[in-house]
Amino acid sequence: MTEPWESDPLILAGRTFRSRLIVGSGKYSTLDQMREALEKSGAEVVTVAVRRTHLGGNAGPSILDYIDTNRYTILPNTAGCYSAEEAVRIAHLGREAGLSDWVKLEVIGDEKTLFPDTGGLLEAARILVKEGFVVLPYTNDDPIVARKLQDAGVAAVMPLGAPIGSGMGIQNPSNIRIILETVSVPVIVDAGVGTASDATIAMDLGCDGVLMNTGISGAENPLMLAEAMKLSVQ
């Protein structure tokens, strides 16, 4: 029997995914725990920070050794970048290393809150789209910025629910609803989702998916939370 979520896939840049949950790979206590959590989550797309990934040499185990690339789509991200120029450079580094021509684009504007620099984000998005990248930008919950990102050619917009790592849940559902009415590309809530009920709220608003990392990796029992998040999004 086909489950409802299997007949209603997430489509990003022409690619089809059965799971609408995207998960991060950072902040786990061990790489083995991360690998187990990915499996429990049912996710098919995993974000990997280019700056924190050993892309060669003898620097020890790489996170990529623990992610089955035949099973998961790697989504490199530009975490830790504070300018458009830096984000573009890191995106190129990931592509040249053979990770992907997809990129979760982050241009951070504030070190404390990790809120995005939307001006730098738009600049970097326009450059990377022109250079053939599939761009999924982490942005604030501003419908105007979301529309400008869509006009720049991004594959999806990824507004924050709350500050990165806060677990506060979706603080401004009204803006998320307006974004859903403003753009035609997929909308994926990124950042601030801390509980399974938060993920359900995002889907109930009409979002196309949810991206989370700390909500799972920072939990007392990451494997249990990974499975709970999978079920809540379904």
Protein backbone atom coordinates (compact mmCIF):
# COMPACT_ATOMS: atom_id res chain seq x y z
CA MET A 1 0.00 0.00 0.00
CA THR A 2 1.31 3.44 -0.95
CA GLU A 3 1.48 5.85 1.97
CA PRO A 4 0.10 9.38 1.41
CA TRP A 5 3.52 11.05 1.63
CA GLU A 6 4.97 8.64 -0.96
CA SER A 7 2.46 9.77 -3.59
CA ASP A 8 3.11 13.47 -2.85
CA PRO A 9 6.88 13.90 -3.23
CA LEU A 10 9.07 16.93 -2.74
CA ILE A 11 10.39 18.19 -6.08
CA LEU A 12 13.49 20.38 -6.06
CA ALA A 13 15.12 21.55 -9.29
CA GLY A 14 13.45 18.71 -11.16
CA ARG A 15 14.55 16.02 -8.72
CA THR A 16 12.02 14.00 -6.75
CA PHE A 17 12.38 13.09 -3.08
CA ARG A 18 9.95 10.98 -1.09
CA SER A 19 10.95 12.59 2.21
CA ARG A 20 10.16 16.24 2.90
CA LEU A 21 12.64 16.29 5.79
CA ILE A 22 16.16 17.60 5.15
CA VAL A 23 18.69 17.10 7.92
CA GLY A 24 22.05 18.52 8.88
CA SER A 25 25.16 16.54 9.73
CA GLY A 26 26.78 18.71 12.40
CA LYS A 27 26.91 18.80 16.19
CA TYR A 28 26.55 15.07 16.84
CA SER A 29 28.61 13.55 19.64
CA THR A 30 30.12 11.02 17.23
CA LEU A 31 30.07 10.38 13.49
CA ASP A 32 28.56 6.95 14.13
CA GLN A 33 25.67 8.61 15.96
CA MET A 34 25.20 10.96 13.03
CA ARG A 35 25.04 8.03 10.61
CA GLU A 36 22.42 6.26 12.72
CA ALA A 37 20.36 9.44 13.08
CA LEU A 38 20.34 9.98 9.32
CA GLU A 39 18.95 6.50 8.87
CA LYS A 40 16.27 6.99 11.54
CA SER A 41 15.20 10.33 10.01
CA GLY A 42 14.28 8.84 6.66
CA ALA A 43 15.75 11.94 5.02
CA GLU A 44 17.21 11.75 1.53
CA VAL A 45 19.00 15.12 1.52
CA VAL A 46 21.79 15.85 4.01
CA THR A 47 23.52 19.20 4.42
CA VAL A 48 27.28 19.23 4.89
CA ALA A 49 29.30 22.31 5.82
CA VAL A 50 32.05 22.67 3.22
CA ARG A 51 34.29 24.54 5.66
CA ARG A 52 34.11 21.71 8.20
CA THR A 53 34.68 18.89 5.73
CA HIS A 54 38.05 17.28 5.06
CA LEU A 55 38.23 17.35 1.28
CA GLY A 56 41.59 15.66 0.95
CA GLY A 57 44.89 14.98 2.62
CA ASN A 58 45.53 13.09 5.84
CA ALA A 59 43.47 15.16 8.24
CA GLY A 60 41.73 12.15 9.75
CA PRO A 61 38.24 10.73 9.24
CA SER A 62 35.93 12.78 7.05
CA ILE A 63 32.22 13.20 7.66
CA LEU A 64 31.77 12.02 4.07
CA ASP A 65 33.09 8.60 5.10
CA TYR A 66 29.95 8.22 7.20
CA ILE A 67 27.37 9.32 4.63
CA ASP A 68 26.34 6.85 1.92
CA THR A 69 26.30 9.02 -1.20
CA ASN A 70 24.41 6.29 -3.06
CA ARG A 71 21.58 6.73 -0.58
CA TYR A 72 21.71 10.44 0.29
CA THR A 73 21.95 13.59 -1.79
CA ILE A 74 24.69 15.78 -0.38
CA LEU A 75 23.72 19.45 -0.03
CA PRO A 76 26.90 21.45 0.65
CA ASN A 77 26.33 24.59 2.68
CA THR A 78 28.24 27.82 3.11
CA ALA A 79 27.86 27.96 6.90
CA GLY A 80 30.18 30.45 8.55
CA CYS A 81 30.36 32.83 5.60
CA TYR A 82 29.87 36.53 6.36
CA SER A 83 30.04 38.01 2.86
CA ALA A 84 28.75 37.23 -0.61
CA GLU A 85 32.30 36.88 -1.89
CA GLU A 86 33.19 34.33 0.78
CA ALA A 87 29.99 32.32 0.23
CA VAL A 88 30.58 32.18 -3.53
CA ARG A 89 34.15 30.99 -2.97
CA ILE A 90 33.05 28.23 -0.57
CA ALA A 91 30.31 27.11 -2.99
CA HIS A 92 32.93 26.80 -5.72
CA LEU A 93 35.20 24.86 -3.38
CA GLY A 94 32.44 22.35 -2.71
CA ARG A 95 31.69 21.92 -6.39
CA GLU A 96 35.35 21.59 -7.37
CA ALA A 97 35.80 18.94 -4.68
CA GLY A 98 33.04 16.93 -6.33
CA LEU A 99 30.44 17.37 -3.59
CA SER A 100 27.67 18.88 -5.71
CA ASP A 101 26.58 21.82 -7.82
CA TRP A 102 23.73 22.24 -5.35
CA VAL A 103 24.33 24.62 -2.47
CA LYS A 104 22.51 25.62 0.68
CA LEU A 105 23.49 29.26 0.58
CA GLU A 106 24.15 31.03 3.88
CA VAL A 107 25.49 34.56 4.20
CA ILE A 108 25.45 35.45 7.89
CA GLY A 109 24.98 39.05 9.00
CA ASP A 110 25.31 38.75 12.76
CA GLU A 111 27.62 36.49 14.72
CA LYS A 112 25.40 36.32 17.81
CA THR A 113 22.01 35.57 16.26
CA LEU A 114 23.25 34.08 12.96
CA PHE A 115 20.56 36.03 11.16
CA PRO A 116 21.19 36.28 7.42
CA ASP A 117 22.63 39.28 5.62
CA THR A 118 19.90 39.51 3.01
CA GLY A 119 21.78 41.97 0.83
CA GLY A 120 24.80 39.70 0.65
CA LEU A 121 22.53 36.69 0.23
CA LEU A 122 20.83 38.17 -2.82
CA GLU A 123 24.15 39.14 -4.34
CA ALA A 124 25.60 35.66 -3.86
CA ALA A 125 22.42 33.96 -5.10
CA ARG A 126 22.45 35.94 -8.35
CA ILE A 127 26.12 35.10 -8.96
CA LEU A 128 25.77 31.39 -8.22
CA VAL A 129 22.59 30.93 -10.27
CA LYS A 130 24.34 32.50 -13.27
CA GLU A 131 27.25 30.10 -12.71
CA GLY A 132 25.00 27.05 -12.88
CA PHE A 133 24.47 26.25 -9.22
CA VAL A 134 21.18 24.99 -7.82
CA VAL A 135 20.74 27.49 -4.99
CA LEU A 136 18.68 26.91 -1.84
CA PRO A 137 19.10 30.05 0.29
CA TYR A 138 18.69 30.34 4.06
CA THR A 139 16.87 33.63 4.54
CA ASN A 140 14.76 35.55 7.02
CA ASP A 141 10.97 35.42 7.02
CA ASP A 142 10.60 38.50 4.81
CA PRO A 143 8.22 37.93 1.85
CA ILE A 144 9.90 40.70 -0.17
CA VAL A 145 13.30 39.06 0.13
CA ALA A 146 11.73 35.70 -0.74
CA ARG A 147 10.29 37.18 -3.94
CA LYS A 148 13.62 38.75 -4.89
CA LEU A 149 15.37 35.42 -4.33
CA GLN A 150 12.83 33.70 -6.56
CA ASP A 151 13.39 36.37 -9.21
CA ALA A 152 17.13 35.63 -8.94
CA GLY A 153 16.43 32.03 -9.97
CA VAL A 154 16.79 30.03 -6.77
CA ALA A 155 15.34 26.52 -6.59
CA ALA A 156 13.59 27.13 -3.24
CA VAL A 157 13.44 29.66 -0.45
CA MET A 158 14.28 28.59 3.08
CA PRO A 159 13.01 31.08 5.67
CA LEU A 160 13.98 30.70 9.30
CA GLY A 161 11.36 29.75 11.83
CA ALA A 162 13.50 31.16 14.65
CA PRO A 163 17.22 31.80 15.21
CA ILE A 164 19.54 28.95 14.24
CA GLY A 165 19.87 26.38 17.01
CA SER A 166 17.31 28.07 19.26
CA GLY A 167 14.62 25.38 19.09
CA MET A 168 12.02 28.12 19.60
CA GLY A 169 9.75 26.92 16.81
CA ILE A 170 8.05 29.07 14.19
CA GLN A 171 7.81 32.53 15.73
CA ASN A 172 6.03 34.30 12.88
CA PRO A 173 3.60 31.95 11.13
CA SER A 174 1.86 34.91 9.47
CA ASN A 175 4.98 35.78 7.51
CA ILE A 176 5.49 32.17 6.50
CA ARG A 177 1.93 32.12 5.14
CA ILE A 178 2.57 35.32 3.18
CA ILE A 179 5.78 33.86 1.73
CA LEU A 180 3.81 30.81 0.61
CA GLU A 181 1.39 33.13 -1.17
CA THR A 182 4.20 35.24 -2.65
CA VAL A 183 6.47 32.66 -4.31
CA SER A 184 5.88 29.65 -6.51
CA VAL A 185 9.12 27.82 -5.70
CA PRO A 186 9.15 25.36 -2.77
CA VAL A 187 9.27 26.88 0.72
CA ILE A 188 11.29 24.94 3.29
CA VAL A 189 11.44 26.11 6.90
CA ASP A 190 15.08 26.25 7.97
CA ALA A 191 16.27 26.95 11.52
CA GLY A 192 14.56 27.05 14.88
CA VAL A 193 12.55 23.84 14.61
CA GLY A 194 13.15 22.12 17.93
CA THR A 195 10.32 19.64 18.44
CA ALA A 196 8.26 17.25 16.37
CA SER A 197 5.23 19.48 16.91
CA ASP A 198 7.16 22.44 15.43
CA ALA A 199 7.76 20.41 12.28
CA THR A 200 4.08 19.50 12.10
CA ILE A 201 3.12 23.18 12.37
CA ALA A 202 5.42 24.01 9.44
CA MET A 203 3.78 21.38 7.29
CA ASP A 204 0.29 22.42 8.45
CA LEU A 205 1.04 25.97 7.28
CA GLY A 206 1.60 24.53 3.81
CA CYS A 207 5.40 24.45 3.67
CA ASP A 208 6.99 22.03 1.26
CA GLY A 209 9.52 20.73 3.74
CA VAL A 210 11.52 21.25 6.90
CA LEU A 211 15.28 21.42 7.42
CA MET A 212 16.75 20.83 10.84
CA ASN A 213 19.99 19.95 12.56
CA THR A 214 20.23 21.02 16.20
CA GLY A 215 16.68 19.84 16.96
CA ILE A 216 17.94 16.31 16.36
CA SER A 217 21.67 16.39 17.10
CA GLY A 218 21.22 18.41 20.29
CA ALA A 219 18.50 16.19 21.72
CA GLU A 220 19.03 13.94 24.73
CA ASN A 221 18.20 11.02 22.45
CA PRO A 222 19.06 12.05 18.85
CA LEU A 223 17.98 8.73 17.35
CA MET A 224 14.53 8.94 18.91
CA LEU A 225 14.15 12.58 17.84
CA ALA A 226 15.24 11.76 14.30
CA GLU A 227 12.46 9.22 13.97
CA ALA A 228 9.95 11.56 15.63
CA MET A 229 10.82 14.31 13.16
CA LYS A 230 10.38 11.90 10.27
CA LEU A 231 6.91 10.95 11.44
CA SER A 232 5.87 14.54 12.22
CA VAL A 233 6.75 15.72 8.71
CA GLN A 234 4.95 12.74 7.20
